[in-house]
Every structure is written in C-alpha cells, then in structure tokens.
C-alpha atoms as a PDB file:
ATOM      1  CA  MET A   1      65.546-104.896 -51.658  1.00  0.00           C
ATOM      2  CA  ARG A   2      66.330-100.955 -52.079  1.00  0.00           C
ATOM      3  CA  LEU A   3      62.367-100.207 -52.085  1.00  0.00           C
ATOM      4  CA  VAL A   4      62.199-101.916 -48.276  1.00  0.00           C
ATOM      5  CA  VAL A   5      64.536 -99.956 -47.291  1.00  0.00           C
ATOM      6  CA  VAL A   6      62.608 -96.393 -48.272  1.00  0.00           C
ATOM      7  CA  SER A   7      59.861 -97.536 -46.843  1.00  0.00           C
ATOM      8  CA  VAL A   8      61.639 -98.213 -43.896  1.00  0.00           C
ATOM      9  CA  LEU A   9      63.533 -94.768 -43.604  1.00  0.00           C
ATOM     10  CA  PHE A  10      60.004 -93.353 -44.373  1.00  0.00           C
ATOM     11  CA  LEU A  11      58.286 -95.438 -41.409  1.00  0.00           C
ATOM     12  CA  LEU A  12      61.221 -94.118 -39.100  1.00  0.00           C
ATOM     13  CA  MET A  13      60.696 -90.077 -40.389  1.00  0.00           C
ATOM     14  CA  SER A  14      56.602 -90.814 -39.964  1.00  0.00           C
ATOM     15  CA  CYS A  15      57.073 -91.763 -36.262  1.00  0.00           C
ATOM     16  CA  ASN A  16      59.528 -89.308 -35.563  1.00  0.00           C
ATOM     17  CA  SER A  17      57.590 -86.814 -36.800  1.00  0.00           C
ATOM     18  CA  GLY A  18      54.562 -88.021 -34.891  1.00  0.00           C
ATOM     19  CA  ALA A  19      56.412 -87.871 -31.496  1.00  0.00           C
ATOM     20  CA  GLN A  20      57.737 -84.290 -32.436  1.00  0.00           C
ATOM     21  CA  THR A  21      54.008 -82.760 -33.370  1.00  0.00           C
ATOM     22  CA  GLY A  22      52.753 -84.284 -30.180  1.00  0.00           C
ATOM     23  CA  LYS A  23      48.583 -85.713 -30.260  1.00  0.00           C
ATOM     24  CA  GLU A  24      44.630 -85.114 -30.166  1.00  0.00           C
ATOM     25  CA  VAL A  25      42.604 -87.093 -28.309  1.00  0.00           C
ATOM     26  CA  SER A  26      39.500 -88.042 -26.137  1.00  0.00           C
ATOM     27  CA  ALA A  27      38.092 -86.822 -23.329  1.00  0.00           C
ATOM     28  CA  ASP A  28      37.960 -90.306 -22.633  1.00  0.00           C
ATOM     29  CA  GLU A  29      41.744 -90.074 -22.898  1.00  0.00           C
ATOM     30  CA  PHE A  30      42.570 -86.739 -21.591  1.00  0.00           C
ATOM     31  CA  GLU A  31      41.322 -87.637 -18.211  1.00  0.00           C
ATOM     32  CA  LYS A  32      43.160 -91.140 -18.164  1.00  0.00           C
ATOM     33  CA  GLY A  33      45.972 -88.964 -19.191  1.00  0.00           C
ATOM     34  CA  LEU A  34      45.826 -86.891 -15.972  1.00  0.00           C
ATOM     35  CA  GLN A  35      45.424 -88.995 -13.333  1.00  0.00           C
ATOM     36  CA  GLN A  36      48.891 -89.891 -14.162  1.00  0.00           C
ATOM     37  CA  GLY A  37      51.505 -88.415 -12.236  1.00  0.00           C
ATOM     38  CA  ASN A  38      53.977 -85.478 -13.654  1.00  0.00           C
ATOM     39  CA  VAL A  39      51.510 -84.078 -16.003  1.00  0.00           C
ATOM     40  CA  GLN A  40      50.712 -80.612 -16.412  1.00  0.00           C
ATOM     41  CA  LEU A  41      47.482 -79.508 -17.524  1.00  0.00           C
ATOM     42  CA  LEU A  42      47.139 -75.896 -19.957  1.00  0.00           C
ATOM     43  CA  ASP A  43      44.098 -74.780 -19.908  1.00  0.00           C
ATOM     44  CA  VAL A  44      44.849 -71.554 -22.895  1.00  0.00           C
ATOM     45  CA  ARG A  45      41.017 -69.753 -22.823  1.00  0.00           C
ATOM     46  CA  THR A  46      40.699 -66.316 -21.044  1.00  0.00           C
ATOM     47  CA  ALA A  47      41.116 -65.771 -17.547  1.00  0.00           C
ATOM     48  CA  GLY A  48      36.930 -64.337 -17.705  1.00  0.00           C
ATOM     49  CA  GLU A  49      36.411 -68.235 -19.914  1.00  0.00           C
ATOM     50  CA  PHE A  50      38.111 -69.867 -17.142  1.00  0.00           C
ATOM     51  CA  ARG A  51      36.299 -68.635 -14.108  1.00  0.00           C
ATOM     52  CA  THR A  52      33.357 -69.961 -15.740  1.00  0.00           C
ATOM     53  CA  GLY A  53      34.327 -73.553 -15.121  1.00  0.00           C
ATOM     54  CA  HIS A  54      37.488 -75.336 -16.126  1.00  0.00           C
ATOM     55  CA  ILE A  55      39.246 -78.629 -15.477  1.00  0.00           C
ATOM     56  CA  LYS A  56      40.845 -78.944 -11.577  1.00  0.00           C
ATOM     57  CA  LYS A  57      44.449 -78.235 -11.665  1.00  0.00           C
ATOM     58  CA  ALA A  58      44.328 -76.221 -14.817  1.00  0.00           C
ATOM     59  CA  LEU A  59      47.326 -73.589 -15.226  1.00  0.00           C
ATOM     60  CA  GLN A  60      45.704 -70.691 -17.202  1.00  0.00           C
ATOM     61  CA  ALA A  61      47.692 -68.524 -20.177  1.00  0.00           C
ATOM     62  CA  ASN A  62      45.807 -66.533 -22.899  1.00  0.00           C
ATOM     63  CA  TRP A  63      46.811 -68.030 -25.901  1.00  0.00           C
ATOM     64  CA  ASN A  64      45.037 -64.822 -27.364  1.00  0.00           C
ATOM     65  CA  ASP A  65      47.950 -62.018 -25.738  1.00  0.00           C
ATOM     66  CA  GLN A  66      50.804 -63.794 -26.941  1.00  0.00           C
ATOM     67  CA  GLN A  67      52.651 -61.881 -24.431  1.00  0.00           C
ATOM     68  CA  GLU A  68      51.072 -63.161 -21.353  1.00  0.00           C
ATOM     69  CA  PHE A  69      51.597 -66.833 -23.483  1.00  0.00           C
ATOM     70  CA  ALA A  70      54.812 -66.936 -23.600  1.00  0.00           C
ATOM     71  CA  ASP A  71      55.328 -65.073 -19.826  1.00  0.00           C
ATOM     72  CA  ARG A  72      53.354 -67.679 -17.983  1.00  0.00           C
ATOM     73  CA  THR A  73      54.204 -71.031 -20.212  1.00  0.00           C
ATOM     74  CA  SER A  74      58.209 -69.713 -19.322  1.00  0.00           C
ATOM     75  CA  ALA A  75      57.427 -71.017 -16.055  1.00  0.00           C
ATOM     76  CA  LEU A  76      56.171 -74.582 -17.013  1.00  0.00           C
ATOM     77  CA  ASP A  77      59.085 -77.510 -17.536  1.00  0.00           C
ATOM     78  CA  LYS A  78      59.890 -78.441 -21.076  1.00  0.00           C
ATOM     79  CA  GLN A  79      60.327 -82.022 -19.932  1.00  0.00           C
ATOM     80  CA  LYS A  80      57.587 -83.032 -18.677  1.00  0.00           C
ATOM     81  CA  LEU A  81      54.116 -83.677 -20.371  1.00  0.00           C
ATOM     82  CA  VAL A  82      51.747 -80.775 -21.139  1.00  0.00           C
ATOM     83  CA  TYR A  83      47.595 -81.471 -21.744  1.00  0.00           C
ATOM     84  CA  ILE A  84      46.183 -78.921 -22.973  1.00  0.00           C
ATOM     85  CA  TYR A  85      42.782 -77.353 -24.235  1.00  0.00           C
ATOM     86  CA  CYS A  86      40.767 -75.144 -24.721  1.00  0.00           C
ATOM     87  CA  LEU A  87      37.280 -74.179 -26.090  1.00  0.00           C
ATOM     88  CA  SER A  88      36.520 -76.292 -28.539  1.00  0.00           C
ATOM     89  CA  GLY A  89      40.013 -76.917 -30.211  1.00  0.00           C
ATOM     90  CA  PRO A  90      41.522 -74.241 -32.057  1.00  0.00           C
ATOM     91  CA  ARG A  91      43.394 -71.911 -30.023  1.00  0.00           C
ATOM     92  CA  SER A  92      44.938 -75.589 -28.152  1.00  0.00           C
ATOM     93  CA  SER A  93      45.343 -76.513 -31.957  1.00  0.00           C
ATOM     94  CA  ALA A  94      47.773 -73.276 -31.768  1.00  0.00           C
ATOM     95  CA  ALA A  95      49.232 -73.459 -28.800  1.00  0.00           C
ATOM     96  CA  ALA A  96      50.224 -76.429 -28.570  1.00  0.00           C
ATOM     97  CA  GLU A  97      51.996 -75.953 -32.087  1.00  0.00           C
ATOM     98  CA  TRP A  98      53.852 -72.462 -30.492  1.00  0.00           C
ATOM     99  CA  LEU A  99      54.923 -75.227 -27.659  1.00  0.00           C
ATOM    100  CA  ARG A 100      56.638 -77.450 -30.190  1.00  0.00           C
ATOM    101  CA  ALA A 101      57.969 -75.220 -31.663  1.00  0.00           C
ATOM    102  CA  ASN A 102      59.488 -73.864 -28.217  1.00  0.00           C
ATOM    103  CA  GLY A 103      61.500 -76.850 -26.819  1.00  0.00           C
ATOM    104  CA  PHE A 104      57.567 -78.444 -25.075  1.00  0.00           C
ATOM    105  CA  GLN A 105      57.592 -81.933 -27.129  1.00  0.00           C
ATOM    106  CA  GLN A 106      55.112 -83.891 -25.536  1.00  0.00           C
ATOM    107  CA  VAL A 107      52.491 -82.021 -25.720  1.00  0.00           C
ATOM    108  CA  VAL A 108      48.923 -83.852 -25.793  1.00  0.00           C
ATOM    109  CA  GLU A 109      45.295 -81.962 -27.092  1.00  0.00           C
ATOM    110  CA  LEU A 110      41.946 -82.630 -25.992  1.00  0.00           C
ATOM    111  CA  LYS A 111      40.299 -82.793 -28.862  1.00  0.00           C
ATOM    112  CA  ALA A 112      36.668 -80.879 -28.509  1.00  0.00           C
ATOM    113  CA  GLY A 113      38.462 -79.087 -25.833  1.00  0.00           C
ATOM    114  CA  PHE A 114      36.291 -77.996 -22.741  1.00  0.00           C
ATOM    115  CA  SER A 115      32.601 -78.123 -24.848  1.00  0.00           C
ATOM    116  CA  GLY A 116      33.870 -81.716 -25.593  1.00  0.00           C
ATOM    117  CA  TRP A 117      35.056 -82.674 -21.845  1.00  0.00           C
ATOM    118  CA  LYS A 118      31.789 -81.580 -20.448  1.00  0.00           C
ATOM    119  CA  ARG A 119      29.320 -82.874 -23.153  1.00  0.00           C
ATOM    120  CA  ASN A 120      30.964 -86.172 -22.162  1.00  0.00           C
ATOM    121  CA  GLY A 121      29.909 -85.593 -18.817  1.00  0.00           C
ATOM    122  CA  LYS A 122      33.549 -84.857 -17.673  1.00  0.00           C
ATOM    123  CA  PRO A 123      34.105 -83.257 -13.314  1.00  0.00           C
ATOM    124  CA  VAL A 124      34.598 -79.203 -14.074  1.00  0.00           C
ATOM    125  CA  GLU A 125      35.620 -76.971 -11.307  1.00  0.00           C
ATOM    126  CA  GLY A 126      34.083 -73.077 -11.308  1.00  0.00           C
ATOM    127  CA  MET A 127      35.199 -69.887  -9.713  1.00  0.00           C
ATOM    128  CA  VAL A 128      32.440 -69.284  -6.665  1.00  0.00           C
ATOM    129  CA  ASP A 129      30.622 -65.812  -6.905  1.00  0.00           C
ATOM    130  CA  VAL A 130      33.204 -63.675  -4.717  1.00  0.00           C
ATOM    131  CA  LYS A 131      32.948 -60.330  -3.472  1.00  0.00           C
ATOM    132  CA  GLN A 132      35.953 -57.737  -4.884  1.00  0.00           C
ATOM    133  CA  MET A 133      37.777 -56.850  -2.313  1.00  0.00           C
ATOM    134  CA  THR A 134      37.510 -52.874  -1.484  1.00  0.00           C
ATOM    135  CA  MET A 135      40.487 -50.338  -2.024  1.00  0.00           C
ATOM    136  CA  SER A 136      39.160 -49.005   2.018  1.00  0.00           C
ATOM    137  CA  GLU A 137      39.439 -52.986   3.146  1.00  0.00           C
ATOM    138  CA  TYR A 138      42.689 -53.350   1.105  1.00  0.00           C
ATOM    139  CA  GLN A 139      44.207 -50.310   2.935  1.00  0.00           C
ATOM    140  CA  GLN A 140      43.098 -51.208   6.519  1.00  0.00           C
ATOM    141  CA  GLN A 141      44.893 -54.978   5.696  1.00  0.00           C
ATOM    142  CA  ILE A 142      47.836 -53.350   5.404  1.00  0.00           C
ATOM    143  CA  ALA A 143      47.763 -50.173   7.780  1.00  0.00           C
ATOM    144  CA  GLY A 144      50.110 -50.059  11.019  1.00  0.00           C
ATOM    145  CA  LYS A 145      52.688 -53.201   9.615  1.00  0.00           C
ATOM    146  CA  GLU A 146      56.332 -51.689   9.869  1.00  0.00           C
ATOM    147  CA  TYR A 147      56.701 -53.878   6.635  1.00  0.00           C
ATOM    148  CA  VAL A 148      54.210 -56.098   3.864  1.00  0.00           C
ATOM    149  CA  LEU A 149      54.601 -58.008   0.827  1.00  0.00           C
ATOM    150  CA  VAL A 150      51.898 -57.953  -1.258  1.00  0.00           C
ATOM    151  CA  ASP A 151      51.593 -60.762  -3.529  1.00  0.00           C
ATOM    152  CA  PHE A 152      48.722 -60.713  -6.417  1.00  0.00           C
ATOM    153  CA  GLY A 153      48.735 -64.817  -8.087  1.00  0.00           C
ATOM    154  CA  ALA A 154      46.917 -67.163  -8.305  1.00  0.00           C
ATOM    155  CA  GLU A 155      46.511 -70.416  -8.507  1.00  0.00           C
ATOM    156  CA  TRP A 156      46.147 -71.083 -12.110  1.00  0.00           C
ATOM    157  CA  CYS A 157      49.024 -69.225 -12.636  1.00  0.00           C
ATOM    158  CA  PRO A 158      51.775 -71.121 -13.536  1.00  0.00           C
ATOM    159  CA  PRO A 159      54.696 -68.242 -12.453  1.00  0.00           C
ATOM    160  CA  CYS A 160      52.229 -67.907  -9.269  1.00  0.00           C
ATOM    161  CA  ARG A 161      52.808 -71.777  -9.104  1.00  0.00           C
ATOM    162  CA  LYS A 162      56.811 -71.266 -10.079  1.00  0.00           C
ATOM    163  CA  MET A 163      57.338 -68.450  -6.682  1.00  0.00           C
ATOM    164  CA  GLU A 164      55.340 -69.849  -4.298  1.00  0.00           C
ATOM    165  CA  PRO A 165      58.243 -72.029  -2.391  1.00  0.00           C
ATOM    166  CA  ILE A 166      60.377 -68.924  -3.323  1.00  0.00           C
ATOM    167  CA  VAL A 167      57.981 -66.742  -1.409  1.00  0.00           C
ATOM    168  CA  ASN A 168      57.550 -68.895   1.446  1.00  0.00           C
ATOM    169  CA  GLU A 169      61.175 -69.395   1.618  1.00  0.00           C
ATOM    170  CA  PHE A 170      62.246 -66.116   2.029  1.00  0.00           C
ATOM    171  CA  LEU A 171      59.234 -65.096   4.194  1.00  0.00           C
ATOM    172  CA  ALA A 172      60.334 -67.982   6.571  1.00  0.00           C
ATOM    173  CA  GLN A 173      63.329 -66.271   6.936  1.00  0.00           C
ATOM    174  CA  HIS A 174      62.628 -62.559   7.064  1.00  0.00           C
ATOM    175  CA  LYS A 175      59.750 -63.248  10.116  1.00  0.00           C
ATOM    176  CA  GLU A 176      59.785 -58.823  10.854  1.00  0.00           C
ATOM    177  CA  ILE A 177      57.532 -59.333   7.214  1.00  0.00           C
ATOM    178  CA  THR A 178      53.884 -59.219   6.670  1.00  0.00           C
ATOM    179  CA  PHE A 179      52.472 -61.373   3.481  1.00  0.00           C
ATOM    180  CA  PHE A 180      49.856 -60.380   2.197  1.00  0.00           C
ATOM    181  CA  LYS A 181      48.044 -62.983  -0.584  1.00  0.00           C
ATOM    182  CA  ILE A 182      45.684 -61.432  -3.154  1.00  0.00           C
ATOM    183  CA  ASP A 183      43.525 -63.275  -5.048  1.00  0.00           C
ATOM    184  CA  GLY A 184      44.406 -61.777  -8.827  1.00  0.00           C
ATOM    185  CA  GLY A 185      41.787 -63.819 -10.899  1.00  0.00           C
ATOM    186  CA  ILE A 186      39.395 -62.547  -8.593  1.00  0.00           C
ATOM    187  CA  HIS A 187      40.215 -59.268  -6.994  1.00  0.00           C
ATOM    188  CA  THR A 188      40.583 -57.722 -10.428  1.00  0.00           C
ATOM    189  CA  ASP A 189      39.379 -54.319  -9.625  1.00  0.00           C
ATOM    190  CA  LEU A 190      41.732 -53.824  -7.093  1.00  0.00           C
ATOM    191  CA  MET A 191      44.474 -54.771  -9.016  1.00  0.00           C
ATOM    192  CA  LYS A 192      42.924 -52.232 -11.386  1.00  0.00           C
ATOM    193  CA  GLN A 193      43.391 -49.115  -9.263  1.00  0.00           C
ATOM    194  CA  LEU A 194      46.785 -50.327  -8.201  1.00  0.00           C
ATOM    195  CA  ASN A 195      48.002 -50.783 -11.722  1.00  0.00           C
ATOM    196  CA  ALA A 196      48.941 -54.474 -11.171  1.00  0.00           C
ATOM    197  CA  GLU A 197      49.090 -55.512 -14.697  1.00  0.00           C
ATOM    198  CA  GLY A 198      50.062 -59.155 -14.471  1.00  0.00           C
ATOM    199  CA  LEU A 199      50.425 -62.091 -12.237  1.00  0.00           C
ATOM    200  CA  PRO A 200      52.088 -62.182 -10.455  1.00  0.00           C
ATOM    201  CA  THR A 201      52.766 -58.865  -9.065  1.00  0.00           C
ATOM    202  CA  PHE A 202      54.607 -57.976  -5.946  1.00  0.00           C
ATOM    203  CA  ILE A 203      54.331 -54.498  -3.761  1.00  0.00           C
ATOM    204  CA  LEU A 204      56.352 -54.435  -0.814  1.00  0.00           C
ATOM    205  CA  LEU A 205      55.297 -51.731   1.619  1.00  0.00           C
ATOM    206  CA  LYS A 206      57.006 -49.619   4.286  1.00  0.00           C
ATOM    207  CA  LYS A 207      54.587 -48.164   6.659  1.00  0.00           C
ATOM    208  CA  GLY A 208      51.865 -48.145   4.137  1.00  0.00           C
ATOM    209  CA  GLN A 209      54.235 -46.992   1.204  1.00  0.00           C
ATOM    210  CA  GLU A 210      55.150 -49.017  -1.743  1.00  0.00           C
ATOM    211  CA  VAL A 211      58.960 -49.071  -2.238  1.00  0.00           C
ATOM    212  CA  TRP A 212      59.236 -51.465  -4.631  1.00  0.00           C
ATOM    213  CA  ARG A 213      57.024 -53.866  -7.418  1.00  0.00           C
ATOM    214  CA  TYR A 214      57.805 -56.368  -9.228  1.00  0.00           C
ATOM    215  CA  LYS A 215      56.146 -57.999 -11.690  1.00  0.00           C
ATOM    216  CA  GLY A 216      56.859 -61.645 -13.120  1.00  0.00           C
ATOM    217  CA  VAL A 217      59.105 -64.917 -11.708  1.00  0.00           C
ATOM    218  CA  LEU A 218      62.516 -64.241  -9.346  1.00  0.00           C
ATOM    219  CA  THR A 219      65.105 -66.060  -7.710  1.00  0.00           C
ATOM    220  CA  PRO A 220      65.535 -66.219  -4.438  1.00  0.00           C
ATOM    221  CA  GLU A 221      68.871 -64.802  -4.440  1.00  0.00           C
ATOM    222  CA  GLU A 222      67.479 -61.293  -6.110  1.00  0.00           C
ATOM    223  CA  LEU A 223      64.413 -61.531  -3.476  1.00  0.00           C
ATOM    224  CA  ASN A 224      66.802 -61.150  -0.959  1.00  0.00           C
ATOM    225  CA  THR A 225      68.810 -58.758  -2.998  1.00  0.00           C
ATOM    226  CA  ILE A 226      65.900 -56.599  -3.552  1.00  0.00           C
ATOM    227  CA  TRP A 227      64.746 -56.889  -0.114  1.00  0.00           C
ATOM    228  CA  THR A 228      68.450 -56.053   1.674  1.00  0.00           C
ATOM    229  CA  ASN A 229      68.766 -52.390  -0.686  1.00  0.00           C
ATOM    230  CA  LYS A 230      64.744 -51.664  -0.024  1.00  0.00           C
ATOM    231  CA  LYS A 231      63.980 -52.227   4.277  1.00  0.00           C
END
C-alpha cells in the first residue's frame, strides 16, 4: 500500500513539473497551436536574422541581448500562452527557461527552430528591401510643424505593440500634435544618427527642436503629464 501511495505522489510531482517547464513540439504541432486565439508568438533571434524571414505575427526579442530581452518581454502577458522559437533550438530553450523562471508558466518551444519550420514547408514572412530614410527626408517631414511626436517602433516589438493603443488615445485627445511613425526595424541608419538606442523611442519636437525623448513603455497618465510640462 505504501509503495502505491509513493508511486502516485511521484506521478503527481512529475506531472506538475512538466506543467511548469512547458514542452517542445514539432512544426506541425506548433503551427496548429498558433491557430488558437490568445497566443503570443516570440522570435528570440537577432533583428538582423528576423529581417531575413520569420513566422507571421511574431514579436522579436534578442535573447543574446539580455537587457533588450528583459525589456521587451516585460510587455508580454504572463497569463497567456507564449510560443517561442530561434534558429535551431538552443537559444529558445534557454529563453523559455528564463521566461518560466520569471513567471511565464505556459511556454511552448518549436523543435528544431525556424530552420525546422522552413524544412517542413511552413509559411514564412520576410522583410522587404526598403530604402533607408535619410536625415534630409526626416527633416522635411518635421519642418514647419508646431509639435511633432516621433515614434520609432516596429510591429514585432512587444513594448511597441503595448504602447500603440496608449499613443492612439493620446493623439485623439491632442489634435494639435503631428504624429510621425518610423519603422525602427528598417530605418536603422536614421535611428543611429538620432541616437535612438532602443524600441520604442519617442521624441517630442517643438518647431523642429527636440524638447523630450523617452525609450520604453509609458502609462497614459505619464504621457499626458509629459505633454503638459513640455508643450
């Protein structure tokens, strides 16, 4: 009898351990899982790798840059499923362990990574070759305007995605502000020239002169307070 009780306890512990650590699944299972609602898809490769092709609707956070990874994943919902992948598996495995250790209990890894995904003939999206915006073109866009809010962001950036509804609400309340959204995943040369070091980066200009900038996520209250103080 005691042996049976011990065996049952061991099985329960094993099941709980599996639930905590998540799982690695094939490309077919991964694709099927993505068809569910409420899934956050995370690509942990570099931005350069991401631009060569990625899974549709993926967010990007570079595991090799621990600060960037921590910053971007802080915008994810810990209560929702996270599907994660890298090029071949090791980086996403390490990133998944980090996520679980930091409160993400539902993390699913893609076996063999993006390479395996492509080998299995799964659909891939890629960044098109877009001409870099020049400083001259940037200045033309902001010239002659009283107030301009510049937003360096990207569709695949989790904090940028989190900020989108906040910025939209703010702009709806302040019609006097011209909004200039720039894809920071494409126009990297311009970001470098303007010393914009991360995504999202917001720059407020008054008559062409910078009066404020911020990198990261803001609450609606913080954004409105900054506007009140800087206009």
